[in-house]
Amino acid sequence: MTERVEFTADGITLVGDLRVPGGPGPHPALVFTGPFTGTRDQVTGLYAARLAEAGYATLAFDHRNWGESGGQPRRHEDPQGKLHDLRAAVSLLRARPEVDGERIGAVGICLGGGYALRFAAFDPRVKAFAGIAGAYNNPYAMRAGMSPQGYRGALASFTEILERQDRGGPVEYLPAVAEEGEAAMPGDEPFAYYGTERGASPHWRNEVTRASIRELVTVDNMTGADFLSPTPGLIVHGVVDRFCSPEGAEEAYKRIDGPKKLIWLDARLHIDLYDAEPYVTQAVEAVTAFLGEHL
């Protein structure tokens, strides 16, 4: 059974899909958060449906500013807001009679892997974490990758954008994906999912605020790994990933005290774990086995 649900976080209305498996409840439940710019009928919806088939009540929803949920500016990344959204989503799950409120896990895919990790680390209501092809952003790694001077220059350029907006200028946008030219996620691989029928959604638009990139390079979700224990954590990642580095996944795993597990899949593209087989099935089976032991 799939039910459209609405709930609020910080006064903002959020829209989600609650899937409840057949059979007697209450059921263990999972809340989902997913890729940068993604909506609930894309990657998170696919995983939520597959894990509902495995016996979990699942909630995939649109974060504030995205999809059918409220919030301004539209299509703007709000790291702290996303954590508030996840908190409200768990509150909703715990209020549902179909859900066992003491058996709730957080599952994150891509950028959502980092958010789910950080959220699970600081919310004791979450009893297990799973990250799939996760981006475990932290500013130290971003600065190292860009050079200190390059990082400082990027911050300056984003500050100029925000200052123009603070003075009454319009919110500035750029394409989310593009095969060629400027985009938040440039290149053929992101376009192969979001720019084609693979990721087609009536709720997704090919734009994102320019200031969102500042949020990506300054947010520290890796810190969740240091605080996750004793909550069990699973990391599932492809051996080759140009967008969410295997090195970042390994660092997150090493920084988790445990209980923990790391599973490498023979995937060669980041988006393989969005919707391609056999990788999605392998990830679902890994999550199901881990949660069967720990949730």
C-alpha atoms as a PDB file:
ATOM      1  CA  MET A   1       0.000   0.000   0.000  1.00  0.00           C
ATOM      2  CA  THR A   2       1.310   3.436  -0.939  1.00  0.00           C
ATOM      3  CA  GLU A   3      -0.157   6.528   0.678  1.00  0.00           C
ATOM      4  CA  ARG A   4       0.628  10.143  -0.135  1.00  0.00           C
ATOM      5  CA  VAL A   5       1.345  11.906   3.137  1.00  0.00           C
ATOM      6  CA  GLU A   6       1.929  15.510   4.144  1.00  0.00           C
ATOM      7  CA  PHE A   7       3.747  16.655   7.266  1.00  0.00           C
ATOM      8  CA  THR A   8       5.484  19.811   8.432  1.00  0.00           C
ATOM      9  CA  ALA A   9       9.004  20.787   9.423  1.00  0.00           C
ATOM     10  CA  ASP A  10       9.679  24.338  10.621  1.00  0.00           C
ATOM     11  CA  GLY A  11       6.242  25.293   9.328  1.00  0.00           C
ATOM     12  CA  ILE A  12       7.033  24.014   5.816  1.00  0.00           C
ATOM     13  CA  THR A  13       4.743  21.403   4.278  1.00  0.00           C
ATOM     14  CA  LEU A  14       6.597  18.333   3.044  1.00  0.00           C
ATOM     15  CA  VAL A  15       5.128  15.695   0.730  1.00  0.00           C
ATOM     16  CA  GLY A  16       6.039  12.039   0.838  1.00  0.00           C
ATOM     17  CA  ASP A  17       5.012   8.507  -0.110  1.00  0.00           C
ATOM     18  CA  LEU A  18       4.487   6.088   2.749  1.00  0.00           C
ATOM     19  CA  ARG A  19       4.673   2.464   1.676  1.00  0.00           C
ATOM     20  CA  VAL A  20       3.403  -0.181   4.078  1.00  0.00           C
ATOM     21  CA  PRO A  21       4.083  -3.878   3.424  1.00  0.00           C
ATOM     22  CA  GLY A  22       1.374  -6.499   3.619  1.00  0.00           C
ATOM     23  CA  GLY A  23       0.896  -8.686   6.646  1.00  0.00           C
ATOM     24  CA  PRO A  24       0.387  -7.875  10.286  1.00  0.00           C
ATOM     25  CA  GLY A  25       2.251  -4.949  11.794  1.00  0.00           C
ATOM     26  CA  PRO A  26       3.667  -2.991  13.323  1.00  0.00           C
ATOM     27  CA  HIS A  27       6.580  -3.045  10.886  1.00  0.00           C
ATOM     28  CA  PRO A  28      10.142  -1.772  11.160  1.00  0.00           C
ATOM     29  CA  ALA A  29      10.440   1.427   9.151  1.00  0.00           C
ATOM     30  CA  LEU A  30      12.954   3.307   7.025  1.00  0.00           C
ATOM     31  CA  VAL A  31      13.228   6.987   6.141  1.00  0.00           C
ATOM     32  CA  PHE A  32      15.038   7.916   2.925  1.00  0.00           C
ATOM     33  CA  THR A  33      17.080  10.850   1.695  1.00  0.00           C
ATOM     34  CA  GLY A  34      18.677  10.909  -1.697  1.00  0.00           C
ATOM     35  CA  PRO A  35      20.755  12.523  -4.426  1.00  0.00           C
ATOM     36  CA  PHE A  36      21.423  16.214  -4.929  1.00  0.00           C
ATOM     37  CA  THR A  37      18.444  17.788  -6.784  1.00  0.00           C
ATOM     38  CA  GLY A  38      16.512  14.492  -6.595  1.00  0.00           C
ATOM     39  CA  THR A  39      12.808  14.049  -5.979  1.00  0.00           C
ATOM     40  CA  ARG A  40      11.009  11.225  -4.227  1.00  0.00           C
ATOM     41  CA  ASP A  41       9.805   9.530  -7.427  1.00  0.00           C
ATOM     42  CA  GLN A  42      13.363   8.986  -8.615  1.00  0.00           C
ATOM     43  CA  VAL A  43      16.120   7.144  -6.724  1.00  0.00           C
ATOM     44  CA  THR A  44      14.681   7.227  -3.200  1.00  0.00           C
ATOM     45  CA  GLY A  45      11.311   6.056  -4.474  1.00  0.00           C
ATOM     46  CA  LEU A  46      12.889   3.064  -6.187  1.00  0.00           C
ATOM     47  CA  TYR A  47      14.749   1.975  -3.068  1.00  0.00           C
ATOM     48  CA  ALA A  48      11.740   2.675  -0.858  1.00  0.00           C
ATOM     49  CA  ALA A  49       9.587   0.431  -3.033  1.00  0.00           C
ATOM     50  CA  ARG A  50      12.136  -2.377  -3.087  1.00  0.00           C
ATOM     51  CA  LEU A  51      12.656  -2.300   0.683  1.00  0.00           C
ATOM     52  CA  ALA A  52       8.903  -2.168   1.287  1.00  0.00           C
ATOM     53  CA  GLU A  53       8.756  -5.450  -0.625  1.00  0.00           C
ATOM     54  CA  ALA A  54      11.323  -6.748   1.863  1.00  0.00           C
ATOM     55  CA  GLY A  55       8.981  -6.039   4.776  1.00  0.00           C
ATOM     56  CA  TYR A  56       9.763  -2.465   5.840  1.00  0.00           C
ATOM     57  CA  ALA A  57       7.428   0.478   6.051  1.00  0.00           C
ATOM     58  CA  THR A  58       9.224   3.146   4.005  1.00  0.00           C
ATOM     59  CA  LEU A  59       8.949   6.903   3.680  1.00  0.00           C
ATOM     60  CA  ALA A  60      10.474   8.650   0.673  1.00  0.00           C
ATOM     61  CA  PHE A  61       9.707  12.364   0.581  1.00  0.00           C
ATOM     62  CA  ASP A  62      10.645  15.595  -1.132  1.00  0.00           C
ATOM     63  CA  HIS A  63      12.905  17.741   1.015  1.00  0.00           C
ATOM     64  CA  ARG A  64      12.070  21.409   1.489  1.00  0.00           C
ATOM     65  CA  ASN A  65      12.580  23.507  -1.645  1.00  0.00           C
ATOM     66  CA  TRP A  66      12.378  20.440  -3.917  1.00  0.00           C
ATOM     67  CA  GLY A  67       9.653  18.543  -5.733  1.00  0.00           C
ATOM     68  CA  GLU A  68       6.147  18.944  -4.352  1.00  0.00           C
ATOM     69  CA  SER A  69       7.277  20.147  -0.931  1.00  0.00           C
ATOM     70  CA  GLY A  70       7.172  23.774   0.086  1.00  0.00           C
ATOM     71  CA  GLY A  71      10.062  26.066   0.899  1.00  0.00           C
ATOM     72  CA  GLN A  72      11.976  28.922  -0.660  1.00  0.00           C
ATOM     73  CA  PRO A  73      14.061  29.530  -2.630  1.00  0.00           C
ATOM     74  CA  ARG A  74      13.028  26.742  -4.947  1.00  0.00           C
ATOM     75  CA  ARG A  75      15.631  24.105  -5.761  1.00  0.00           C
ATOM     76  CA  HIS A  76      18.061  25.344  -3.141  1.00  0.00           C
ATOM     77  CA  GLU A  77      20.185  22.995  -1.030  1.00  0.00           C
ATOM     78  CA  ASP A  78      19.574  23.557   2.699  1.00  0.00           C
ATOM     79  CA  PRO A  79      21.739  21.173   4.754  1.00  0.00           C
ATOM     80  CA  GLN A  80      20.379  22.111   8.175  1.00  0.00           C
ATOM     81  CA  GLY A  81      16.866  22.152   6.797  1.00  0.00           C
ATOM     82  CA  LYS A  82      17.291  18.639   5.428  1.00  0.00           C
ATOM     83  CA  LEU A  83      18.232  17.398   8.895  1.00  0.00           C
ATOM     84  CA  HIS A  84      15.101  19.058  10.286  1.00  0.00           C
ATOM     85  CA  ASP A  85      13.073  17.393   7.523  1.00  0.00           C
ATOM     86  CA  LEU A  86      14.439  13.985   8.479  1.00  0.00           C
ATOM     87  CA  ARG A  87      13.603  14.613  12.129  1.00  0.00           C
ATOM     88  CA  ALA A  88      10.004  15.459  11.218  1.00  0.00           C
ATOM     89  CA  ALA A  89       9.807  12.414   8.942  1.00  0.00           C
ATOM     90  CA  VAL A  90      10.804  10.111  11.803  1.00  0.00           C
ATOM     91  CA  SER A  91       8.249  11.823  14.040  1.00  0.00           C
ATOM     92  CA  LEU A  92       5.606  11.035  11.423  1.00  0.00           C
ATOM     93  CA  LEU A  93       6.663   7.401  11.207  1.00  0.00           C
ATOM     94  CA  ARG A  94       6.582   6.981  14.979  1.00  0.00           C
ATOM     95  CA  ALA A  95       3.008   8.291  15.055  1.00  0.00           C
ATOM     96  CA  ARG A  96       1.742   5.714  12.543  1.00  0.00           C
ATOM     97  CA  PRO A  97       0.093   2.571  13.960  1.00  0.00           C
ATOM     98  CA  GLU A  98       1.612   0.468  11.154  1.00  0.00           C
ATOM     99  CA  VAL A  99       5.141   1.322  12.335  1.00  0.00           C
ATOM    100  CA  ASP A 100       7.191  -0.052  15.202  1.00  0.00           C
ATOM    101  CA  GLY A 101       8.500   3.248  16.545  1.00  0.00           C
ATOM    102  CA  GLU A 102      11.467   1.571  18.225  1.00  0.00           C
ATOM    103  CA  ARG A 103      12.718   0.037  14.960  1.00  0.00           C
ATOM    104  CA  ILE A 104      13.390   2.910  12.576  1.00  0.00           C
ATOM    105  CA  GLY A 105      16.409   3.193  10.289  1.00  0.00           C
ATOM    106  CA  ALA A 106      17.762   5.901   7.979  1.00  0.00           C
ATOM    107  CA  VAL A 107      18.846   5.099   4.424  1.00  0.00           C
ATOM    108  CA  GLY A 108      20.704   7.605   2.259  1.00  0.00           C
ATOM    109  CA  ILE A 109      21.743   7.380  -1.382  1.00  0.00           C
ATOM    110  CA  CYS A 110      24.363   9.637  -2.985  1.00  0.00           C
ATOM    111  CA  LEU A 111      24.351  13.028  -1.209  1.00  0.00           C
ATOM    112  CA  GLY A 112      21.689  11.599   1.089  1.00  0.00           C
ATOM    113  CA  GLY A 113      24.232   9.104   2.404  1.00  0.00           C
ATOM    114  CA  GLY A 114      26.004  11.891   4.240  1.00  0.00           C
ATOM    115  CA  TYR A 115      22.800  13.454   5.508  1.00  0.00           C
ATOM    116  CA  ALA A 116      21.477  10.104   6.731  1.00  0.00           C
ATOM    117  CA  LEU A 117      24.783   9.424   8.492  1.00  0.00           C
ATOM    118  CA  ARG A 118      24.833  12.765  10.270  1.00  0.00           C
ATOM    119  CA  PHE A 119      21.153  12.532  11.156  1.00  0.00           C
ATOM    120  CA  ALA A 120      21.413   9.001  12.526  1.00  0.00           C
ATOM    121  CA  ALA A 121      24.447   9.972  14.603  1.00  0.00           C
ATOM    122  CA  PHE A 122      22.575  12.635  16.542  1.00  0.00           C
ATOM    123  CA  ASP A 123      19.013  11.267  16.742  1.00  0.00           C
ATOM    124  CA  PRO A 124      18.770   8.289  19.124  1.00  0.00           C
ATOM    125  CA  ARG A 125      15.362   7.359  17.673  1.00  0.00           C
ATOM    126  CA  VAL A 126      17.232   6.052  14.618  1.00  0.00           C
ATOM    127  CA  LYS A 127      18.418   2.525  15.327  1.00  0.00           C
ATOM    128  CA  ALA A 128      20.403   1.799  12.135  1.00  0.00           C
ATOM    129  CA  PHE A 129      22.023   3.626   9.221  1.00  0.00           C
ATOM    130  CA  ALA A 130      22.715   2.530   5.647  1.00  0.00           C
ATOM    131  CA  GLY A 131      24.502   4.600   3.009  1.00  0.00           C
ATOM    132  CA  ILE A 132      24.448   3.597  -0.666  1.00  0.00           C
ATOM    133  CA  ALA A 133      26.910   5.244  -3.092  1.00  0.00           C
ATOM    134  CA  GLY A 134      27.133   7.938  -0.452  1.00  0.00           C
ATOM    135  CA  ALA A 135      28.723  11.376  -0.580  1.00  0.00           C
ATOM    136  CA  TYR A 136      30.188  12.008   2.851  1.00  0.00           C
ATOM    137  CA  ASN A 137      31.035  15.675   2.322  1.00  0.00           C
ATOM    138  CA  ASN A 138      33.393  17.566   4.563  1.00  0.00           C
ATOM    139  CA  PRO A 139      35.127  20.899   3.998  1.00  0.00           C
ATOM    140  CA  TYR A 140      38.593  19.489   4.720  1.00  0.00           C
ATOM    141  CA  ALA A 141      38.373  17.139   1.745  1.00  0.00           C
ATOM    142  CA  MET A 142      36.830  19.842  -0.429  1.00  0.00           C
ATOM    143  CA  ARG A 143      39.647  22.263   0.373  1.00  0.00           C
ATOM    144  CA  ALA A 144      42.283  19.602  -0.237  1.00  0.00           C
ATOM    145  CA  GLY A 145      40.766  18.781  -3.599  1.00  0.00           C
ATOM    146  CA  MET A 146      40.539  22.419  -4.694  1.00  0.00           C
ATOM    147  CA  SER A 147      43.730  23.755  -2.986  1.00  0.00           C
ATOM    148  CA  PRO A 148      43.430  26.264  -0.152  1.00  0.00           C
ATOM    149  CA  GLN A 149      43.611  29.191  -2.564  1.00  0.00           C
ATOM    150  CA  GLY A 150      41.057  27.697  -4.924  1.00  0.00           C
ATOM    151  CA  TYR A 151      38.720  26.908  -2.051  1.00  0.00           C
ATOM    152  CA  ARG A 152      38.954  30.454  -0.724  1.00  0.00           C
ATOM    153  CA  GLY A 153      38.303  31.835  -4.188  1.00  0.00           C
ATOM    154  CA  ALA A 154      35.230  29.672  -4.583  1.00  0.00           C
ATOM    155  CA  LEU A 155      33.865  30.889  -1.260  1.00  0.00           C
ATOM    156  CA  ALA A 156      34.405  34.474  -2.371  1.00  0.00           C
ATOM    157  CA  SER A 157      32.472  33.914  -5.596  1.00  0.00           C
ATOM    158  CA  PHE A 158      29.548  32.363  -3.737  1.00  0.00           C
ATOM    159  CA  THR A 159      29.545  35.223  -1.246  1.00  0.00           C
ATOM    160  CA  GLU A 160      29.225  37.687  -4.124  1.00  0.00           C
ATOM    161  CA  ILE A 161      26.142  35.832  -5.336  1.00  0.00           C
ATOM    162  CA  LEU A 162      24.576  35.828  -1.890  1.00  0.00           C
ATOM    163  CA  GLU A 163      25.358  39.514  -1.380  1.00  0.00           C
ATOM    164  CA  ARG A 164      23.534  40.409  -4.591  1.00  0.00           C
ATOM    165  CA  GLN A 165      20.546  38.392  -3.388  1.00  0.00           C
ATOM    166  CA  ASP A 166      20.727  39.952   0.088  1.00  0.00           C
ATOM    167  CA  ARG A 167      20.460  43.366  -1.570  1.00  0.00           C
ATOM    168  CA  GLY A 168      17.240  42.410  -3.309  1.00  0.00           C
ATOM    169  CA  GLY A 169      18.525  40.806  -6.467  1.00  0.00           C
ATOM    170  CA  PRO A 170      16.917  37.687  -7.937  1.00  0.00           C
ATOM    171  CA  VAL A 171      17.899  34.189  -6.861  1.00  0.00           C
ATOM    172  CA  GLU A 172      20.555  33.022  -9.290  1.00  0.00           C
ATOM    173  CA  TYR A 173      20.325  29.589 -10.919  1.00  0.00           C
ATOM    174  CA  LEU A 174      22.349  27.302 -13.132  1.00  0.00           C
ATOM    175  CA  PRO A 175      21.454  23.993 -14.823  1.00  0.00           C
ATOM    176  CA  ALA A 176      21.544  20.938 -12.591  1.00  0.00           C
ATOM    177  CA  VAL A 177      23.001  18.810 -15.408  1.00  0.00           C
ATOM    178  CA  ALA A 178      24.432  19.389 -18.865  1.00  0.00           C
ATOM    179  CA  GLU A 179      26.377  17.119 -21.208  1.00  0.00           C
ATOM    180  CA  GLU A 180      28.535  20.105 -22.126  1.00  0.00           C
ATOM    181  CA  GLY A 181      28.951  23.523 -20.554  1.00  0.00           C
ATOM    182  CA  GLU A 182      28.239  24.846 -17.086  1.00  0.00           C
ATOM    183  CA  ALA A 183      26.119  22.854 -14.670  1.00  0.00           C
ATOM    184  CA  ALA A 184      26.056  21.910 -11.008  1.00  0.00           C
ATOM    185  CA  MET A 185      26.666  18.303 -12.100  1.00  0.00           C
ATOM    186  CA  PRO A 186      28.385  18.580 -15.499  1.00  0.00           C
ATOM    187  CA  GLY A 187      29.192  15.757 -17.874  1.00  0.00           C
ATOM    188  CA  ASP A 188      27.671  12.783 -19.567  1.00  0.00           C
ATOM    189  CA  GLU A 189      27.096  10.578 -16.529  1.00  0.00           C
ATOM    190  CA  PRO A 190      24.718  12.816 -14.515  1.00  0.00           C
ATOM    191  CA  PHE A 191      22.977  13.754 -17.769  1.00  0.00           C
ATOM    192  CA  ALA A 192      22.495  10.080 -18.613  1.00  0.00           C
ATOM    193  CA  TYR A 193      20.190   9.809 -15.590  1.00  0.00           C
ATOM    194  CA  TYR A 194      18.600  13.229 -15.059  1.00  0.00           C
ATOM    195  CA  GLY A 195      18.592  14.395 -18.670  1.00  0.00           C
ATOM    196  CA  THR A 196      16.892  11.300 -20.105  1.00  0.00           C
ATOM    197  CA  GLU A 197      13.852   9.125 -19.524  1.00  0.00           C
ATOM    198  CA  ARG A 198      15.768   7.214 -16.840  1.00  0.00           C
ATOM    199  CA  GLY A 199      15.201   9.991 -14.309  1.00  0.00           C
ATOM    200  CA  ALA A 200      12.149  11.645 -15.852  1.00  0.00           C
ATOM    201  CA  SER A 201       9.839  13.160 -13.243  1.00  0.00           C
ATOM    202  CA  PRO A 202       7.093  15.788 -13.452  1.00  0.00           C
ATOM    203  CA  HIS A 203       8.435  17.205 -10.169  1.00  0.00           C
ATOM    204  CA  TRP A 204      12.086  17.627 -11.222  1.00  0.00           C
ATOM    205  CA  ARG A 205      13.473  20.667 -13.022  1.00  0.00           C
ATOM    206  CA  ASN A 206      16.896  21.065 -14.540  1.00  0.00           C
ATOM    207  CA  GLU A 207      18.012  23.957 -12.380  1.00  0.00           C
ATOM    208  CA  VAL A 208      19.498  24.604  -8.975  1.00  0.00           C
ATOM    209  CA  THR A 209      20.498  27.751  -7.121  1.00  0.00           C
ATOM    210  CA  ARG A 210      24.100  28.783  -7.606  1.00  0.00           C
ATOM    211  CA  ALA A 211      24.373  29.193  -3.836  1.00  0.00           C
ATOM    212  CA  SER A 212      23.627  25.485  -3.423  1.00  0.00           C
ATOM    213  CA  ILE A 213      27.191  24.710  -4.489  1.00  0.00           C
ATOM    214  CA  ARG A 214      28.448  26.706  -1.511  1.00  0.00           C
ATOM    215  CA  GLU A 215      26.423  24.413   0.753  1.00  0.00           C
ATOM    216  CA  LEU A 216      27.970  21.318  -0.818  1.00  0.00           C
ATOM    217  CA  VAL A 217      31.544  22.507  -0.277  1.00  0.00           C
ATOM    218  CA  THR A 218      31.032  23.749   3.287  1.00  0.00           C
ATOM    219  CA  VAL A 219      28.753  21.132   4.868  1.00  0.00           C
ATOM    220  CA  ASP A 220      30.397  18.576   7.171  1.00  0.00           C
ATOM    221  CA  ASN A 221      28.383  15.366   7.105  1.00  0.00           C
ATOM    222  CA  MET A 222      31.462  13.174   7.639  1.00  0.00           C
ATOM    223  CA  THR A 223      31.414  14.172  11.297  1.00  0.00           C
ATOM    224  CA  GLY A 224      28.435  11.854  11.690  1.00  0.00           C
ATOM    225  CA  ALA A 225      30.802   8.911  11.372  1.00  0.00           C
ATOM    226  CA  ASP A 226      32.592   9.962  14.558  1.00  0.00           C
ATOM    227  CA  PHE A 227      29.349  10.025  16.533  1.00  0.00           C
ATOM    228  CA  LEU A 228      27.294   7.197  14.990  1.00  0.00           C
ATOM    229  CA  SER A 229      28.267   4.445  17.437  1.00  0.00           C
ATOM    230  CA  PRO A 230      26.594   2.577  19.053  1.00  0.00           C
ATOM    231  CA  THR A 231      24.070   2.853  16.209  1.00  0.00           C
ATOM    232  CA  PRO A 232      24.965   0.197  13.606  1.00  0.00           C
ATOM    233  CA  GLY A 233      26.157   1.502  10.236  1.00  0.00           C
ATOM    234  CA  LEU A 234      26.347  -0.036   6.764  1.00  0.00           C
ATOM    235  CA  ILE A 235      28.161   1.473   3.796  1.00  0.00           C
ATOM    236  CA  VAL A 236      27.550   0.085   0.301  1.00  0.00           C
ATOM    237  CA  HIS A 237      29.649   1.604  -2.474  1.00  0.00           C
ATOM    238  CA  GLY A 238      30.855   1.005  -5.998  1.00  0.00           C
ATOM    239  CA  VAL A 239      34.534   0.271  -6.533  1.00  0.00           C
ATOM    240  CA  VAL A 240      34.673   3.041  -9.162  1.00  0.00           C
ATOM    241  CA  ASP A 241      32.741   6.267  -8.590  1.00  0.00           C
ATOM    242  CA  ARG A 242      33.737   9.616 -10.120  1.00  0.00           C
ATOM    243  CA  PHE A 243      31.162  11.614  -8.159  1.00  0.00           C
ATOM    244  CA  CYS A 244      31.061  10.116  -4.667  1.00  0.00           C
ATOM    245  CA  SER A 245      34.555   8.872  -4.026  1.00  0.00           C
ATOM    246  CA  PRO A 246      35.262   5.365  -2.771  1.00  0.00           C
ATOM    247  CA  GLU A 247      37.967   6.970  -0.622  1.00  0.00           C
ATOM    248  CA  GLY A 248      35.295   9.036   1.133  1.00  0.00           C
ATOM    249  CA  ALA A 249      33.199   5.937   1.750  1.00  0.00           C
ATOM    250  CA  GLU A 250      36.217   4.126   3.174  1.00  0.00           C
ATOM    251  CA  GLU A 251      37.066   7.063   5.427  1.00  0.00           C
ATOM    252  CA  ALA A 252      33.507   7.181   6.764  1.00  0.00           C
ATOM    253  CA  TYR A 253      33.649   3.443   7.450  1.00  0.00           C
ATOM    254  CA  LYS A 254      36.967   3.723   9.270  1.00  0.00           C
ATOM    255  CA  ARG A 255      35.678   6.566  11.446  1.00  0.00           C
ATOM    256  CA  ILE A 256      32.599   4.601  12.537  1.00  0.00           C
ATOM    257  CA  ASP A 257      33.363   2.687  15.731  1.00  0.00           C
ATOM    258  CA  GLY A 258      30.777   0.006  15.081  1.00  0.00           C
ATOM    259  CA  PRO A 259      28.849  -2.158  14.768  1.00  0.00           C
ATOM    260  CA  LYS A 260      29.598  -1.589  11.096  1.00  0.00           C
ATOM    261  CA  LYS A 261      29.962  -3.215   7.697  1.00  0.00           C
ATOM    262  CA  LEU A 262      31.406  -2.090   4.356  1.00  0.00           C
ATOM    263  CA  ILE A 263      30.351  -3.764   1.119  1.00  0.00           C
ATOM    264  CA  TRP A 264      32.001  -3.041  -2.223  1.00  0.00           C
ATOM    265  CA  LEU A 265      29.988  -3.614  -5.389  1.00  0.00           C
ATOM    266  CA  ASP A 266      31.581  -4.050  -8.802  1.00  0.00           C
ATOM    267  CA  ALA A 267      29.880  -0.939 -10.148  1.00  0.00           C
ATOM    268  CA  ARG A 268      31.836   1.357 -12.468  1.00  0.00           C
ATOM    269  CA  LEU A 269      29.485   4.344 -12.619  1.00  0.00           C
ATOM    270  CA  HIS A 270      27.966   6.317  -9.771  1.00  0.00           C
ATOM    271  CA  ILE A 271      24.528   6.162 -11.388  1.00  0.00           C
ATOM    272  CA  ASP A 272      24.738   2.367 -11.619  1.00  0.00           C
ATOM    273  CA  LEU A 273      23.459   2.402  -8.047  1.00  0.00           C
ATOM    274  CA  TYR A 274      20.594   4.723  -8.966  1.00  0.00           C
ATOM    275  CA  ASP A 275      18.610   2.290 -11.085  1.00  0.00           C
ATOM    276  CA  ALA A 276      20.804  -0.272 -12.881  1.00  0.00           C
ATOM    277  CA  GLU A 277      20.833  -4.012 -12.328  1.00  0.00           C
ATOM    278  CA  PRO A 278      22.290  -6.072 -10.822  1.00  0.00           C
ATOM    279  CA  TYR A 279      23.578  -3.259  -8.616  1.00  0.00           C
ATOM    280  CA  VAL A 280      20.289  -2.065  -7.138  1.00  0.00           C
ATOM    281  CA  THR A 281      19.320  -5.615  -6.205  1.00  0.00           C
ATOM    282  CA  GLN A 282      22.757  -6.193  -4.677  1.00  0.00           C
ATOM    283  CA  ALA A 283      22.445  -3.001  -2.629  1.00  0.00           C
ATOM    284  CA  VAL A 284      18.916  -3.871  -1.487  1.00  0.00           C
ATOM    285  CA  GLU A 285      20.029  -7.361  -0.470  1.00  0.00           C
ATOM    286  CA  ALA A 286      22.962  -5.922   1.476  1.00  0.00           C
ATOM    287  CA  VAL A 287      20.722  -3.455   3.305  1.00  0.00           C
ATOM    288  CA  THR A 288      18.099  -6.122   4.009  1.00  0.00           C
ATOM    289  CA  ALA A 289      20.682  -8.520   5.439  1.00  0.00           C
ATOM    290  CA  PHE A 290      22.270  -5.831   7.616  1.00  0.00           C
ATOM    291  CA  LEU A 291      18.966  -4.504   8.926  1.00  0.00           C
ATOM    292  CA  GLY A 292      17.747  -8.042   9.524  1.00  0.00           C
ATOM    293  CA  GLU A 293      20.586  -8.381  12.020  1.00  0.00           C
ATOM    294  CA  HIS A 294      20.550  -4.913  13.569  1.00  0.00           C
ATOM    295  CA  LEU A 295      17.055  -3.404  13.300  1.00  0.00           C
END
